[in-house]
Amino acid sequence: MGIKKQLGMGVATAVLGLSLIGGGTFAYFSDTVETSNTFAAGTLDLTAKPTEIINVGNMAPGDSMVRDFELHNSGTLDINTVYLETNYTVEDAQGDNSEDFGEHIVVEFLYNVNNLDEVIYQTTLAELQEMTPEAINEHIFYPAIGDEGLAAGDSHDFVVQFNFNDNGEDQNQFQGDALNLEWTFIATQGDGKDI
């Protein structure tokens, strides 16, 4: 055999030996397993019954009416806080209003304990419309619902009395007027927790 053949054979043998050594280092037992995970988000679902706040005609100064709402957590997550946004519009029948009709409607938020109505907070619709939702929670929902909030599946009665304030002065400008009130209840969850 020539020198070139011997050298070629030597290189081939060396490469074969290295590949066997290298291949041998990868010869071990192995196993794999797959896991599947599901992340499902819970729901916040606050419902209020009735959905119509109040529908009263022929109000006169000094009149009052009580409305009882049931706030219900129909979701799967606990509600930590409830906020209330107030918006209203006034239909000035005669076009002669010099004051906001909402300043003459006093709202009393009541807490019903053992058939004894206790006023939690009192304000006018005009003031209520200007308040932040956080302030309303502090004055109204926190005293009524408390730290616990509204657990999934639980309900809470929310009692309100509307008063057309008789201020002892001429209120003729409001004859025939209408006030259209819209309340939006906003529920928020609490802090996340380890599950």
C-alpha atoms as a PDB file:
ATOM      1  CA  MET A   1       0.000   0.000   0.000  1.00  0.00           C
ATOM      2  CA  GLY A   2       1.190   3.426  -0.885  1.00  0.00           C
ATOM      3  CA  ILE A   3       1.833   6.185   1.594  1.00  0.00           C
ATOM      4  CA  LYS A   4      -1.190   8.125   0.393  1.00  0.00           C
ATOM      5  CA  LYS A   5      -3.432   5.131   0.923  1.00  0.00           C
ATOM      6  CA  GLN A   6      -2.045   4.543   4.396  1.00  0.00           C
ATOM      7  CA  LEU A   7      -2.482   8.179   5.337  1.00  0.00           C
ATOM      8  CA  GLY A   8      -6.044   8.201   3.947  1.00  0.00           C
ATOM      9  CA  MET A   9      -6.830   5.000   5.808  1.00  0.00           C
ATOM     10  CA  GLY A  10      -5.393   6.436   9.012  1.00  0.00           C
ATOM     11  CA  VAL A  11      -7.456   9.619   8.721  1.00  0.00           C
ATOM     12  CA  ALA A  12     -10.616   7.607   7.986  1.00  0.00           C
ATOM     13  CA  THR A  13      -9.960   5.376  10.996  1.00  0.00           C
ATOM     14  CA  ALA A  14      -9.385   8.394  13.212  1.00  0.00           C
ATOM     15  CA  VAL A  15     -12.626  10.045  12.016  1.00  0.00           C
ATOM     16  CA  LEU A  16     -14.561   6.807  12.578  1.00  0.00           C
ATOM     17  CA  GLY A  17     -13.098   6.461  16.064  1.00  0.00           C
ATOM     18  CA  LEU A  18     -13.970  10.050  16.979  1.00  0.00           C
ATOM     19  CA  SER A  19     -17.503   9.667  15.691  1.00  0.00           C
ATOM     20  CA  LEU A  20     -17.973   6.513  17.785  1.00  0.00           C
ATOM     21  CA  ILE A  21     -16.608   8.266  20.870  1.00  0.00           C
ATOM     22  CA  GLY A  22     -18.792  11.358  20.196  1.00  0.00           C
ATOM     23  CA  GLY A  23     -21.819   9.235  19.426  1.00  0.00           C
ATOM     24  CA  GLY A  24     -21.270   7.271  22.578  1.00  0.00           C
ATOM     25  CA  THR A  25     -21.578  10.365  24.764  1.00  0.00           C
ATOM     26  CA  PHE A  26     -25.173  10.900  23.524  1.00  0.00           C
ATOM     27  CA  ALA A  27     -26.317   7.384  24.267  1.00  0.00           C
ATOM     28  CA  TYR A  28     -28.520   7.779  27.387  1.00  0.00           C
ATOM     29  CA  PHE A  29     -32.124   7.149  28.498  1.00  0.00           C
ATOM     30  CA  SER A  30     -34.616   9.956  27.987  1.00  0.00           C
ATOM     31  CA  ASP A  31     -38.288  10.569  28.544  1.00  0.00           C
ATOM     32  CA  THR A  32     -40.684  13.461  27.866  1.00  0.00           C
ATOM     33  CA  VAL A  33     -44.051  14.471  29.235  1.00  0.00           C
ATOM     34  CA  GLU A  34     -46.432  17.219  28.104  1.00  0.00           C
ATOM     35  CA  THR A  35     -48.713  19.208  30.387  1.00  0.00           C
ATOM     36  CA  SER A  36     -51.749  21.190  29.372  1.00  0.00           C
ATOM     37  CA  ASN A  37     -52.934  24.207  31.338  1.00  0.00           C
ATOM     38  CA  THR A  38     -56.096  26.275  31.234  1.00  0.00           C
ATOM     39  CA  PHE A  39     -56.414  29.866  32.377  1.00  0.00           C
ATOM     40  CA  ALA A  40     -60.061  30.913  32.557  1.00  0.00           C
ATOM     41  CA  ALA A  41     -60.946  34.426  33.617  1.00  0.00           C
ATOM     42  CA  GLY A  42     -63.765  34.928  36.102  1.00  0.00           C
ATOM     43  CA  THR A  43     -66.576  37.397  35.567  1.00  0.00           C
ATOM     44  CA  LEU A  44     -67.825  40.521  37.289  1.00  0.00           C
ATOM     45  CA  ASP A  45     -71.543  40.911  36.715  1.00  0.00           C
ATOM     46  CA  LEU A  46     -73.445  43.457  38.794  1.00  0.00           C
ATOM     47  CA  THR A  47     -77.174  43.636  38.159  1.00  0.00           C
ATOM     48  CA  ALA A  48     -79.694  46.097  39.562  1.00  0.00           C
ATOM     49  CA  LYS A  49     -83.418  45.565  39.847  1.00  0.00           C
ATOM     50  CA  PRO A  50     -85.465  47.445  38.912  1.00  0.00           C
ATOM     51  CA  THR A  51     -83.663  49.077  36.026  1.00  0.00           C
ATOM     52  CA  GLU A  52     -86.033  52.047  35.995  1.00  0.00           C
ATOM     53  CA  ILE A  53     -85.038  54.406  38.806  1.00  0.00           C
ATOM     54  CA  ILE A  54     -88.290  56.243  39.197  1.00  0.00           C
ATOM     55  CA  ASN A  55     -91.119  57.376  36.985  1.00  0.00           C
ATOM     56  CA  VAL A  56     -93.354  59.849  38.754  1.00  0.00           C
ATOM     57  CA  GLY A  57     -95.584  62.544  37.330  1.00  0.00           C
ATOM     58  CA  ASN A  58     -97.343  65.482  38.968  1.00  0.00           C
ATOM     59  CA  MET A  59     -94.708  66.047  41.652  1.00  0.00           C
ATOM     60  CA  ALA A  60     -95.106  69.089  43.858  1.00  0.00           C
ATOM     61  CA  PRO A  61     -92.629  70.676  46.278  1.00  0.00           C
ATOM     62  CA  GLY A  62     -92.649  68.649  49.480  1.00  0.00           C
ATOM     63  CA  ASP A  63     -93.378  65.317  47.736  1.00  0.00           C
ATOM     64  CA  SER A  64     -91.083  62.351  48.357  1.00  0.00           C
ATOM     65  CA  MET A  65     -90.824  58.816  47.058  1.00  0.00           C
ATOM     66  CA  VAL A  66     -88.768  55.788  48.094  1.00  0.00           C
ATOM     67  CA  ARG A  67     -87.123  53.412  45.642  1.00  0.00           C
ATOM     68  CA  ASP A  68     -85.598  50.104  46.695  1.00  0.00           C
ATOM     69  CA  PHE A  69     -82.945  48.589  44.434  1.00  0.00           C
ATOM     70  CA  GLU A  70     -81.475  45.134  44.691  1.00  0.00           C
ATOM     71  CA  LEU A  71     -77.815  45.037  43.698  1.00  0.00           C
ATOM     72  CA  HIS A  72     -76.858  41.454  42.866  1.00  0.00           C
ATOM     73  CA  ASN A  73     -73.460  39.980  42.048  1.00  0.00           C
ATOM     74  CA  SER A  74     -74.309  37.504  39.297  1.00  0.00           C
ATOM     75  CA  GLY A  75     -70.648  36.938  38.422  1.00  0.00           C
ATOM     76  CA  THR A  76     -68.082  34.423  39.616  1.00  0.00           C
ATOM     77  CA  LEU A  77     -65.716  36.962  41.234  1.00  0.00           C
ATOM     78  CA  ASP A  78     -66.292  38.980  44.388  1.00  0.00           C
ATOM     79  CA  ILE A  79     -67.023  42.669  43.907  1.00  0.00           C
ATOM     80  CA  ASN A  80     -64.806  44.843  46.059  1.00  0.00           C
ATOM     81  CA  THR A  81     -66.328  48.261  45.434  1.00  0.00           C
ATOM     82  CA  VAL A  82     -69.384  49.714  43.746  1.00  0.00           C
ATOM     83  CA  TYR A  83     -69.313  53.178  42.247  1.00  0.00           C
ATOM     84  CA  LEU A  84     -72.236  55.271  41.083  1.00  0.00           C
ATOM     85  CA  GLU A  85     -72.215  57.723  38.195  1.00  0.00           C
ATOM     86  CA  THR A  86     -75.068  60.217  38.028  1.00  0.00           C
ATOM     87  CA  ASN A  87     -76.226  62.030  34.913  1.00  0.00           C
ATOM     88  CA  TYR A  88     -79.452  63.898  34.356  1.00  0.00           C
ATOM     89  CA  THR A  89     -81.052  66.301  31.934  1.00  0.00           C
ATOM     90  CA  VAL A  90     -83.824  68.770  32.630  1.00  0.00           C
ATOM     91  CA  GLU A  91     -86.667  69.446  30.207  1.00  0.00           C
ATOM     92  CA  ASP A  92     -87.617  73.068  30.859  1.00  0.00           C
ATOM     93  CA  ALA A  93     -91.262  73.117  29.735  1.00  0.00           C
ATOM     94  CA  GLN A  94     -91.683  76.905  29.760  1.00  0.00           C
ATOM     95  CA  GLY A  95     -88.051  77.834  29.043  1.00  0.00           C
ATOM     96  CA  ASP A  96     -88.012  79.998  32.167  1.00  0.00           C
ATOM     97  CA  ASN A  97     -85.683  78.133  34.540  1.00  0.00           C
ATOM     98  CA  SER A  98     -83.174  80.360  36.292  1.00  0.00           C
ATOM     99  CA  GLU A  99     -82.029  77.485  38.508  1.00  0.00           C
ATOM    100  CA  ASP A 100     -81.149  73.831  37.988  1.00  0.00           C
ATOM    101  CA  PHE A 101     -84.121  71.583  38.822  1.00  0.00           C
ATOM    102  CA  GLY A 102     -81.576  69.036  40.132  1.00  0.00           C
ATOM    103  CA  GLU A 103     -80.660  71.424  42.958  1.00  0.00           C
ATOM    104  CA  HIS A 104     -84.205  71.034  44.284  1.00  0.00           C
ATOM    105  CA  ILE A 105     -84.264  67.218  44.268  1.00  0.00           C
ATOM    106  CA  VAL A 106     -82.740  65.923  47.508  1.00  0.00           C
ATOM    107  CA  VAL A 107     -81.540  62.321  47.529  1.00  0.00           C
ATOM    108  CA  GLU A 108     -81.343  60.402  50.807  1.00  0.00           C
ATOM    109  CA  PHE A 109     -79.454  57.120  50.769  1.00  0.00           C
ATOM    110  CA  LEU A 110     -80.972  54.896  53.426  1.00  0.00           C
ATOM    111  CA  TYR A 111     -79.710  51.900  55.337  1.00  0.00           C
ATOM    112  CA  ASN A 112     -82.507  49.573  56.338  1.00  0.00           C
ATOM    113  CA  VAL A 113     -81.922  47.820  59.670  1.00  0.00           C
ATOM    114  CA  ASN A 114     -84.797  46.121  61.514  1.00  0.00           C
ATOM    115  CA  ASN A 115     -87.357  48.164  59.556  1.00  0.00           C
ATOM    116  CA  LEU A 116     -85.736  51.387  60.795  1.00  0.00           C
ATOM    117  CA  ASP A 117     -84.591  53.638  57.974  1.00  0.00           C
ATOM    118  CA  GLU A 118     -81.407  55.505  58.791  1.00  0.00           C
ATOM    119  CA  VAL A 119     -79.992  58.110  56.421  1.00  0.00           C
ATOM    120  CA  ILE A 120     -76.434  57.205  55.415  1.00  0.00           C
ATOM    121  CA  TYR A 121     -75.909  60.217  53.187  1.00  0.00           C
ATOM    122  CA  GLN A 122     -77.966  63.110  51.863  1.00  0.00           C
ATOM    123  CA  THR A 123     -77.249  65.360  48.895  1.00  0.00           C
ATOM    124  CA  THR A 124     -78.961  66.975  45.919  1.00  0.00           C
ATOM    125  CA  LEU A 125     -78.948  65.478  42.438  1.00  0.00           C
ATOM    126  CA  ALA A 126     -76.903  68.456  41.249  1.00  0.00           C
ATOM    127  CA  GLU A 127     -74.204  67.785  43.864  1.00  0.00           C
ATOM    128  CA  LEU A 128     -74.341  64.042  43.206  1.00  0.00           C
ATOM    129  CA  GLN A 129     -73.731  64.591  39.503  1.00  0.00           C
ATOM    130  CA  GLU A 130     -70.569  66.587  40.321  1.00  0.00           C
ATOM    131  CA  MET A 131     -69.152  64.041  42.782  1.00  0.00           C
ATOM    132  CA  THR A 132     -66.474  61.550  41.791  1.00  0.00           C
ATOM    133  CA  PRO A 133     -67.436  57.862  41.842  1.00  0.00           C
ATOM    134  CA  GLU A 134     -64.834  57.292  44.591  1.00  0.00           C
ATOM    135  CA  ALA A 135     -66.460  59.900  46.838  1.00  0.00           C
ATOM    136  CA  ILE A 136     -69.834  58.283  46.320  1.00  0.00           C
ATOM    137  CA  ASN A 137     -68.409  54.894  47.283  1.00  0.00           C
ATOM    138  CA  GLU A 138     -66.918  56.419  50.431  1.00  0.00           C
ATOM    139  CA  HIS A 139     -70.178  58.066  51.501  1.00  0.00           C
ATOM    140  CA  ILE A 140     -72.751  55.568  50.295  1.00  0.00           C
ATOM    141  CA  PHE A 141     -71.594  52.073  49.397  1.00  0.00           C
ATOM    142  CA  TYR A 142     -68.806  51.640  51.929  1.00  0.00           C
ATOM    143  CA  PRO A 143     -71.113  52.259  54.927  1.00  0.00           C
ATOM    144  CA  ALA A 144     -73.799  50.065  53.379  1.00  0.00           C
ATOM    145  CA  ILE A 145     -71.733  47.175  52.005  1.00  0.00           C
ATOM    146  CA  GLY A 146     -68.578  47.495  54.125  1.00  0.00           C
ATOM    147  CA  ASP A 147     -65.088  46.060  53.703  1.00  0.00           C
ATOM    148  CA  GLU A 148     -66.331  42.699  52.481  1.00  0.00           C
ATOM    149  CA  GLY A 149     -67.824  44.062  49.273  1.00  0.00           C
ATOM    150  CA  LEU A 150     -70.383  41.949  47.479  1.00  0.00           C
ATOM    151  CA  ALA A 151     -69.456  38.265  47.241  1.00  0.00           C
ATOM    152  CA  ALA A 152     -70.291  36.246  44.138  1.00  0.00           C
ATOM    153  CA  GLY A 153     -73.960  35.274  44.302  1.00  0.00           C
ATOM    154  CA  ASP A 154     -74.823  37.770  47.065  1.00  0.00           C
ATOM    155  CA  SER A 155     -77.334  40.627  46.959  1.00  0.00           C
ATOM    156  CA  HIS A 156     -77.649  43.911  48.782  1.00  0.00           C
ATOM    157  CA  ASP A 157     -80.670  46.184  49.099  1.00  0.00           C
ATOM    158  CA  PHE A 158     -80.017  49.782  48.187  1.00  0.00           C
ATOM    159  CA  VAL A 159     -82.770  52.110  49.419  1.00  0.00           C
ATOM    160  CA  VAL A 160     -83.083  55.698  48.189  1.00  0.00           C
ATOM    161  CA  GLN A 161     -85.592  58.423  48.975  1.00  0.00           C
ATOM    162  CA  PHE A 162     -86.080  61.263  46.494  1.00  0.00           C
ATOM    163  CA  ASN A 163     -87.519  64.518  47.881  1.00  0.00           C
ATOM    164  CA  PHE A 164     -88.736  67.500  45.876  1.00  0.00           C
ATOM    165  CA  ASN A 165     -87.472  70.047  48.365  1.00  0.00           C
ATOM    166  CA  ASP A 166     -89.994  72.693  49.394  1.00  0.00           C
ATOM    167  CA  ASN A 167     -87.709  75.632  50.120  1.00  0.00           C
ATOM    168  CA  GLY A 168     -90.600  77.929  51.112  1.00  0.00           C
ATOM    169  CA  GLU A 169     -89.949  80.175  48.125  1.00  0.00           C
ATOM    170  CA  ASP A 170     -91.516  80.565  44.681  1.00  0.00           C
ATOM    171  CA  GLN A 171     -90.725  77.415  42.670  1.00  0.00           C
ATOM    172  CA  ASN A 172     -93.196  78.076  39.855  1.00  0.00           C
ATOM    173  CA  GLN A 173     -90.398  77.939  37.267  1.00  0.00           C
ATOM    174  CA  PHE A 174     -90.391  74.130  37.616  1.00  0.00           C
ATOM    175  CA  GLN A 175     -94.089  73.619  36.790  1.00  0.00           C
ATOM    176  CA  GLY A 176     -94.404  71.115  33.951  1.00  0.00           C
ATOM    177  CA  ASP A 177     -90.637  70.397  33.909  1.00  0.00           C
ATOM    178  CA  ALA A 178     -89.178  66.911  33.773  1.00  0.00           C
ATOM    179  CA  LEU A 179     -85.878  65.600  35.079  1.00  0.00           C
ATOM    180  CA  ASN A 180     -84.469  62.508  33.336  1.00  0.00           C
ATOM    181  CA  LEU A 181     -82.061  60.720  35.677  1.00  0.00           C
ATOM    182  CA  GLU A 182     -79.584  58.020  34.691  1.00  0.00           C
ATOM    183  CA  TRP A 183     -77.596  56.085  37.280  1.00  0.00           C
ATOM    184  CA  THR A 184     -74.744  53.809  36.241  1.00  0.00           C
ATOM    185  CA  PHE A 185     -73.513  51.331  38.845  1.00  0.00           C
ATOM    186  CA  ILE A 186     -69.872  50.326  38.305  1.00  0.00           C
ATOM    187  CA  ALA A 187     -68.422  47.260  40.015  1.00  0.00           C
ATOM    188  CA  THR A 188     -64.700  46.642  40.501  1.00  0.00           C
ATOM    189  CA  GLN A 189     -62.831  43.607  41.715  1.00  0.00           C
ATOM    190  CA  GLY A 190     -60.448  43.575  44.648  1.00  0.00           C
ATOM    191  CA  ASP A 191     -56.734  42.827  44.604  1.00  0.00           C
ATOM    192  CA  GLY A 192     -55.572  39.606  42.974  1.00  0.00           C
ATOM    193  CA  LYS A 193     -54.827  36.630  45.205  1.00  0.00           C
ATOM    194  CA  ASP A 194     -52.683  33.505  45.125  1.00  0.00           C
ATOM    195  CA  ILE A 195     -54.668  30.558  43.830  1.00  0.00           C
END
